[in-house]
Amino acid sequence: MLIIAIVAIAVVALVDVFRGGSEPPRRSSEPTGRPRATTTAPLPVCEHDQLALGLEVLGATNAVALRHVEGPPCQAVGLTLRVYVTSHGRRSELPLGNERVLDGALSPNVERSVPFSICSPGSEFTAEAISGPYRVSGPVEPGGENCEAAIREVSVDLGRRPGTMEFHITPLDPVTHTTSFVIDFPRSADLSVSARAGSGSLLQVLDTRRPGRCRHIGDRMSCVVDYGPLGEAARERWAIFVHKRSAGRAHVSFAISFVPAGE
C-alpha cells in the first residue's frame, strides 16, 4: 500500500507539471505609471467629389470659397488658386499673394475663402476661378478692400559689417495702383536698395552714391522714389533687397505705399 501511495503521488506531481502547476506571477505589458504613446493617423487626400469651388461676397469684397461638400474630413493637396476677370472681352489675372495656396485640412461644412478685388473701371465683370480640377465662373461686382490705398511699413536693422538683407511684401494690384517708396536711413550709411516686383524686372530703387529726391533730417536721410503702374508681371509677392556697403550699424525704415492710379 505504501508503494502504491508513493506512485500515486508521483503521477499527480507529473500531471501537475504538464498542466503548468502553480501559475507564475503575471508581468504587466506596460510599466506602471508610464504614459502610452498615442499617434494620430494622417487625413486621407480629398477625393474629387469631396470639394467644390464657389463665388461669394464677403462684405463689399468678392471671394472664392473652397468648400468641403461631402464625406469625412480630408487633406486638400496641390491646389493653387488663380482668378481671372473678364470685362468687355478683355481678360486679366488678379493678384492673390500667399492666399492662392488652398492646401490644408478640411472638414464637413467648412470652407476656405480667398477675397479678391476688382479695381479697374468698367462694368459687366465675369470672374473665373480655377484650382486644380475645380472651376467656377460667374458675374461679380467691381470694388473691394484692395481698391483703396495702403501702406506697407517695414524696418530693418543692419549689422556692423557690410552685407545684404532681404524682406518680402504683398502689393496691391500694380495694374491699377501706383507705388511710392519712402526710405529713411542714417546719413553715414552707404546703401543700395532694389526690388524684384513679382516676376517682372528688377527695380533699382535707391543708391546713396547717386541720390535722387532726398532730404536731410538731422543725422538721417529721407528719400522718395515713385513708380507708375507696373503691370501684370508685378502682381506676385515682391522681394526687397537692402545692400549696405559701409561699416557700422544702420536702422533703415521703409514706407511703401500703393495708391489707385489717377488719385
Protein backbone atom coordinates (compact mmCIF):
# COMPACT_ATOMS: atom_id res chain seq x y z
CA MET A 1 0.00 0.00 0.00
CA LEU A 2 2.87 2.36 0.76
CA ILE A 3 4.37 1.76 -2.68
CA ILE A 4 1.00 2.44 -4.36
CA ALA A 5 0.60 5.69 -2.45
CA ILE A 6 4.08 6.87 -3.47
CA VAL A 7 3.36 6.06 -7.14
CA ALA A 8 0.06 7.94 -6.98
CA ILE A 9 1.78 10.99 -5.53
CA ALA A 10 4.39 10.89 -8.31
CA VAL A 11 1.73 10.64 -11.02
CA VAL A 12 -0.17 13.58 -9.56
CA ALA A 13 3.05 15.63 -9.48
CA LEU A 14 3.84 14.71 -13.11
CA VAL A 15 0.36 15.73 -14.27
CA ASP A 16 0.72 18.99 -12.35
CA VAL A 17 3.92 19.73 -14.25
CA PHE A 18 2.27 19.21 -17.63
CA ARG A 19 -0.73 21.36 -16.63
CA GLY A 20 1.50 24.16 -15.57
CA GLY A 21 1.28 23.62 -11.82
CA SER A 22 1.09 26.83 -9.89
CA GLU A 23 0.90 29.76 -12.29
CA PRO A 24 4.00 32.01 -12.46
CA PRO A 25 3.47 35.67 -11.47
CA ARG A 26 2.00 37.70 -14.34
CA ARG A 27 4.06 40.51 -15.85
CA SER A 28 2.40 43.74 -16.86
CA SER A 29 2.82 44.57 -20.54
CA GLU A 30 3.50 48.23 -19.63
CA PRO A 31 5.42 49.52 -16.61
CA THR A 32 3.09 51.10 -14.08
CA GLY A 33 2.80 54.87 -14.39
CA ARG A 34 4.38 55.18 -17.87
CA PRO A 35 2.12 57.07 -20.33
CA ARG A 36 1.29 55.25 -23.52
CA ALA A 37 2.30 56.89 -26.79
CA THR A 38 -0.59 57.93 -28.99
CA THR A 39 -0.47 58.63 -32.70
CA THR A 40 -2.98 60.42 -34.93
CA ALA A 41 -3.43 58.95 -38.36
CA PRO A 42 -2.95 61.49 -41.17
CA LEU A 43 -6.05 62.59 -43.01
CA PRO A 44 -6.65 60.98 -46.40
CA VAL A 45 -6.22 63.10 -49.50
CA CYS A 46 -9.54 64.61 -50.59
CA GLU A 47 -11.38 62.82 -53.37
CA HIS A 48 -12.53 64.91 -56.31
CA ASP A 49 -16.22 64.94 -55.32
CA GLN A 50 -15.50 65.97 -51.71
CA LEU A 51 -14.62 69.58 -52.63
CA ALA A 52 -16.13 72.35 -54.72
CA LEU A 53 -15.32 75.96 -55.65
CA GLY A 54 -17.86 78.75 -55.29
CA LEU A 55 -18.07 82.53 -55.69
CA GLU A 56 -19.41 84.67 -52.85
CA VAL A 57 -19.37 88.20 -51.45
CA LEU A 58 -17.75 88.95 -48.07
CA GLY A 59 -18.86 92.41 -47.01
CA ALA A 60 -18.12 94.51 -50.10
CA THR A 61 -15.39 92.21 -51.41
CA ASN A 62 -15.71 89.32 -53.86
CA ALA A 63 -14.28 85.99 -52.73
CA VAL A 64 -13.64 82.45 -53.94
CA ALA A 65 -14.55 79.69 -51.48
CA LEU A 66 -13.16 76.14 -51.46
CA ARG A 67 -15.87 74.10 -49.73
CA HIS A 68 -15.92 70.61 -48.21
CA VAL A 69 -19.24 69.25 -49.50
CA GLU A 70 -19.16 65.50 -48.97
CA GLY A 71 -17.62 62.70 -46.91
CA PRO A 72 -15.28 62.67 -43.90
CA PRO A 73 -12.50 65.19 -43.15
CA CYS A 74 -9.68 65.13 -45.68
CA GLN A 75 -6.48 66.88 -46.76
CA ALA A 76 -6.52 69.20 -49.79
CA VAL A 77 -3.27 68.77 -51.72
CA GLY A 78 -1.81 70.54 -54.75
CA LEU A 79 -4.50 73.23 -55.05
CA THR A 80 -3.24 76.63 -56.22
CA LEU A 81 -5.93 79.22 -56.96
CA ARG A 82 -5.95 81.50 -59.98
CA VAL A 83 -8.65 84.11 -60.59
CA TYR A 84 -9.31 85.75 -63.96
CA VAL A 85 -11.67 88.65 -64.60
CA THR A 86 -13.17 89.47 -67.99
CA SER A 87 -14.84 92.76 -68.94
CA HIS A 88 -15.88 93.68 -72.49
CA GLY A 89 -13.75 90.89 -73.93
CA ARG A 90 -10.58 91.73 -72.01
CA ARG A 91 -9.31 89.04 -69.61
CA SER A 92 -6.73 89.62 -66.85
CA GLU A 93 -5.45 87.67 -63.85
CA LEU A 94 -5.83 89.10 -60.34
CA PRO A 95 -3.08 89.09 -57.65
CA LEU A 96 -3.76 86.82 -54.67
CA GLY A 97 -0.41 86.64 -52.83
CA ASN A 98 0.17 83.70 -50.48
CA GLU A 99 -3.56 83.12 -50.11
CA ARG A 100 -3.62 81.45 -53.52
CA VAL A 101 -2.43 78.17 -51.91
CA LEU A 102 -5.53 76.25 -50.75
CA ASP A 103 -3.84 73.14 -49.35
CA GLY A 104 -4.76 72.03 -45.84
CA ALA A 105 -7.22 70.05 -43.73
CA LEU A 106 -10.92 70.47 -44.48
CA SER A 107 -13.93 69.18 -42.54
CA PRO A 108 -17.62 68.86 -43.42
CA ASN A 109 -19.37 72.23 -43.79
CA VAL A 110 -16.01 74.07 -43.61
CA GLU A 111 -14.75 76.36 -46.36
CA ARG A 112 -11.60 78.35 -47.10
CA SER A 113 -12.30 81.82 -48.57
CA VAL A 114 -9.90 83.97 -50.60
CA PRO A 115 -11.04 87.59 -51.20
CA PHE A 116 -10.21 89.44 -54.40
CA SER A 117 -10.77 92.99 -55.59
CA ILE A 118 -11.62 94.45 -59.00
CA CYS A 119 -10.26 97.97 -59.15
CA SER A 120 -10.45 98.58 -62.90
CA PRO A 121 -13.17 100.91 -64.19
CA GLY A 122 -15.88 99.25 -66.22
CA SER A 123 -18.95 97.08 -65.90
CA GLU A 124 -20.26 93.60 -66.62
CA PHE A 125 -17.37 91.79 -64.95
CA THR A 126 -17.17 87.99 -65.02
CA ALA A 127 -14.79 86.10 -62.74
CA GLU A 128 -13.38 82.64 -63.40
CA ALA A 129 -11.64 80.79 -60.55
CA ILE A 130 -9.50 77.70 -61.20
CA SER A 131 -7.77 75.47 -58.67
CA GLY A 132 -6.56 72.04 -59.76
CA PRO A 133 -9.56 70.16 -61.24
CA TYR A 134 -12.06 72.66 -59.81
CA ARG A 135 -13.50 75.59 -61.74
CA VAL A 136 -16.27 78.14 -61.19
CA SER A 137 -17.32 81.30 -63.04
CA GLY A 138 -19.99 83.93 -62.66
CA PRO A 139 -20.77 87.66 -62.64
CA VAL A 140 -19.06 89.81 -59.98
CA GLU A 141 -19.14 93.45 -58.94
CA PRO A 142 -16.21 95.89 -59.09
CA GLY A 143 -14.65 97.12 -55.88
CA GLY A 144 -13.10 95.54 -52.81
CA GLU A 145 -10.71 96.30 -49.99
CA ASN A 146 -7.62 96.33 -52.21
CA CYS A 147 -9.03 99.16 -54.30
CA GLU A 148 -8.21 101.60 -51.51
CA ALA A 149 -4.75 103.00 -50.83
CA ALA A 150 -2.47 101.05 -48.50
CA ILE A 151 0.98 101.37 -46.95
CA ARG A 152 3.43 98.55 -46.16
CA GLU A 153 5.79 99.65 -43.36
CA VAL A 154 8.97 97.65 -42.67
CA SER A 155 12.12 98.39 -40.63
CA VAL A 156 15.41 96.50 -40.87
CA ASP A 157 18.49 96.64 -38.67
CA LEU A 158 21.77 96.09 -40.49
CA GLY A 159 24.83 94.92 -38.56
CA ARG A 160 28.27 96.47 -38.30
CA ARG A 161 29.66 94.69 -41.34
CA PRO A 162 28.67 95.26 -44.96
CA GLY A 163 26.01 92.87 -46.14
CA THR A 164 22.59 92.36 -47.71
CA MET A 165 19.18 91.80 -46.12
CA GLU A 166 16.01 90.69 -47.90
CA PHE A 167 12.33 91.03 -46.97
CA HIS A 168 9.03 90.46 -48.80
CA ILE A 169 5.75 92.32 -49.21
CA THR A 170 2.44 91.64 -50.96
CA PRO A 171 1.45 94.58 -53.19
CA LEU A 172 -1.95 95.92 -54.04
CA ASP A 173 -2.81 95.46 -57.70
CA PRO A 174 0.14 97.04 -59.61
CA VAL A 175 -2.00 97.24 -62.73
CA THR A 176 -4.40 99.73 -61.13
CA HIS A 177 -2.12 101.26 -58.45
CA THR A 178 1.00 103.40 -58.42
CA THR A 179 3.83 102.64 -55.98
CA SER A 180 5.89 105.01 -53.84
CA PHE A 181 8.92 104.18 -51.69
CA VAL A 182 9.87 106.41 -48.75
CA ILE A 183 13.19 105.23 -47.29
CA ASP A 184 14.69 106.66 -44.08
CA PHE A 185 18.30 105.81 -43.10
CA PRO A 186 21.44 107.25 -41.39
CA ARG A 187 23.31 109.86 -43.43
CA SER A 188 26.54 107.95 -42.81
CA ALA A 189 25.21 104.74 -44.41
CA ASP A 190 26.25 103.75 -47.93
CA LEU A 191 23.23 101.80 -49.25
CA SER A 192 21.59 100.47 -52.35
CA VAL A 193 18.00 99.20 -52.49
CA SER A 194 16.44 97.10 -55.23
CA ALA A 195 13.08 95.35 -55.62
CA ARG A 196 12.05 92.29 -57.57
CA ALA A 197 8.41 93.13 -58.34
CA GLY A 198 6.77 89.73 -58.80
CA SER A 199 8.03 88.10 -61.98
CA GLY A 200 8.77 91.50 -63.52
CA SER A 201 12.05 93.33 -63.89
CA LEU A 202 14.41 94.23 -61.04
CA LEU A 203 13.80 97.82 -59.92
CA GLN A 204 16.86 99.83 -58.86
CA VAL A 205 15.08 101.83 -56.17
CA LEU A 206 17.88 103.72 -54.41
CA ASP A 207 21.64 104.19 -54.48
CA THR A 208 23.06 106.66 -51.95
CA ARG A 209 26.00 107.30 -54.27
CA ARG A 210 23.53 108.71 -56.80
CA PRO A 211 20.73 110.09 -54.61
CA GLY A 212 17.54 111.38 -56.18
CA ARG A 213 14.70 113.05 -54.23
CA CYS A 214 16.34 113.02 -50.80
CA ARG A 215 16.48 115.47 -47.92
CA HIS A 216 18.46 115.73 -44.69
CA ILE A 217 16.57 115.40 -41.40
CA GLY A 218 19.15 115.78 -38.64
CA ASP A 219 21.60 112.88 -38.87
CA ARG A 220 19.30 110.92 -41.17
CA MET A 221 18.23 110.98 -44.81
CA SER A 222 14.78 110.51 -46.27
CA CYS A 223 14.38 109.59 -49.95
CA VAL A 224 11.25 109.24 -52.09
CA VAL A 225 11.01 107.12 -55.24
CA ASP A 226 7.79 106.91 -57.30
CA TYR A 227 6.64 104.36 -59.87
CA GLY A 228 3.55 104.29 -62.05
CA PRO A 229 1.52 101.10 -62.60
CA LEU A 230 3.98 98.25 -63.12
CA GLY A 231 1.75 95.80 -64.98
CA GLU A 232 0.55 92.24 -64.53
CA ALA A 233 4.05 90.76 -64.11
CA ALA A 234 4.35 92.62 -60.78
CA ARG A 235 1.27 91.01 -59.20
CA GLU A 236 3.13 88.30 -57.28
CA ARG A 237 4.96 88.94 -53.98
CA TRP A 238 7.81 91.44 -54.05
CA ALA A 239 11.29 90.81 -52.73
CA ILE A 240 13.14 93.90 -51.42
CA PHE A 241 16.96 93.78 -51.17
CA VAL A 242 18.88 96.20 -48.92
CA HIS A 243 22.65 96.17 -49.52
CA LYS A 244 24.92 98.06 -47.10
CA ARG A 245 28.42 98.79 -48.35
CA SER A 246 29.61 100.81 -45.34
CA ALA A 247 30.71 99.65 -41.89
CA GLY A 248 28.66 100.41 -38.78
CA ARG A 249 25.12 99.61 -37.77
CA ALA A 250 22.20 101.13 -39.67
CA HIS A 251 18.47 101.24 -38.95
CA VAL A 252 16.55 101.58 -42.23
CA SER A 253 12.78 102.23 -42.39
CA PHE A 254 10.53 101.72 -45.41
CA ALA A 255 7.04 103.05 -46.11
CA ILE A 256 5.85 101.53 -49.41
CA SER A 257 2.52 102.95 -50.47
CA PHE A 258 0.06 101.79 -53.13
CA VAL A 259 -2.44 104.37 -54.41
CA PRO A 260 -5.11 103.90 -57.10
CA ALA A 261 -3.87 105.46 -60.34
CA GLY A 262 -5.42 108.83 -61.03
CA GLU A 263 -5.81 109.88 -57.40
